[in-house]
Amino acid sequence: MFNGLKKLRENYGFTKSEIATYLGVTVQAISKIEKAKKVKVEYIFILSKVYGTSIEELKKAIEKRYD
């Protein structure tokens, strides 16, 4: 199963710990977020800024997990 958010995070060179800090959650929560079918809108906005990418690209990464 493809994990789009995880792959995106790794491609941008971030650790789970770094992303957890940006989102204000635990590292364990990042694992759950990366596996989730739906991600909170506020997380998508923050991740788009952190990664310097579009919201559409993030949505595609989330959706790819379930193709």
Protein backbone atom coordinates (compact mmCIF):
# COMPACT_ATOMS: atom_id res chain seq x y z
CA MET A 1 0.00 0.00 0.00
CA PHE A 2 1.42 3.38 -1.04
CA ASN A 3 1.70 5.95 1.74
CA GLY A 4 1.64 9.29 -0.03
CA LEU A 5 2.06 11.58 2.97
CA LYS A 6 4.96 9.55 4.34
CA LYS A 7 6.67 9.53 0.94
CA LEU A 8 6.09 13.27 0.58
CA ARG A 9 7.58 13.91 4.05
CA GLU A 10 10.60 11.76 3.24
CA ASN A 11 11.07 13.42 -0.17
CA TYR A 12 11.22 16.82 1.52
CA GLY A 13 13.73 15.48 4.07
CA PHE A 14 11.66 15.85 7.23
CA THR A 15 11.50 13.47 10.18
CA LYS A 16 8.28 12.54 11.95
CA SER A 17 9.56 14.48 14.95
CA GLU A 18 10.02 17.68 12.94
CA ILE A 19 6.55 17.45 11.42
CA ALA A 20 5.06 16.67 14.84
CA THR A 21 6.56 19.91 16.13
CA TYR A 22 5.07 21.93 13.25
CA LEU A 23 1.62 20.39 13.79
CA GLY A 24 1.79 20.48 17.59
CA VAL A 25 1.19 16.73 17.93
CA THR A 26 3.13 13.66 19.02
CA VAL A 27 5.31 11.52 16.77
CA GLN A 28 2.75 8.73 17.21
CA ALA A 29 0.06 11.08 15.90
CA ILE A 30 2.13 11.66 12.75
CA SER A 31 2.10 7.92 12.08
CA LYS A 32 -1.68 7.94 12.41
CA ILE A 33 -2.03 11.04 10.23
CA GLU A 34 0.13 9.48 7.52
CA LYS A 35 -2.11 6.39 7.53
CA ALA A 36 -5.41 8.29 7.78
CA LYS A 37 -8.03 8.34 5.07
CA LYS A 38 -8.92 11.91 6.01
CA VAL A 39 -6.61 14.56 7.42
CA LYS A 40 -7.70 17.65 9.33
CA VAL A 41 -7.87 20.73 7.13
CA GLU A 42 -5.62 22.72 9.45
CA TYR A 43 -2.92 20.03 9.13
CA ILE A 44 -3.15 20.19 5.36
CA PHE A 45 -2.69 23.98 5.42
CA ILE A 46 0.32 23.75 7.75
CA LEU A 47 1.92 20.93 5.75
CA SER A 48 1.48 22.83 2.50
CA LYS A 49 3.44 25.73 3.99
CA VAL A 50 6.10 23.50 5.56
CA TYR A 51 6.65 21.57 2.33
CA GLY A 52 6.20 24.63 0.11
CA THR A 53 3.68 22.73 -1.96
CA SER A 54 0.07 23.13 -2.99
CA ILE A 55 -2.90 21.88 -1.05
CA GLU A 56 -3.87 19.93 -4.16
CA GLU A 57 -0.58 18.01 -4.11
CA LEU A 58 -1.17 17.08 -0.47
CA LYS A 59 -4.72 15.98 -1.19
CA LYS A 60 -3.43 13.78 -4.02
CA ALA A 61 -0.85 12.24 -1.68
CA ILE A 62 -3.60 11.39 0.81
CA GLU A 63 -5.89 10.00 -1.88
CA LYS A 64 -3.14 7.87 -3.46
CA ARG A 65 -2.99 5.77 -0.33
CA TYR A 66 -6.46 4.45 -1.13
CA ASP A 67 -6.30 4.05 -4.91
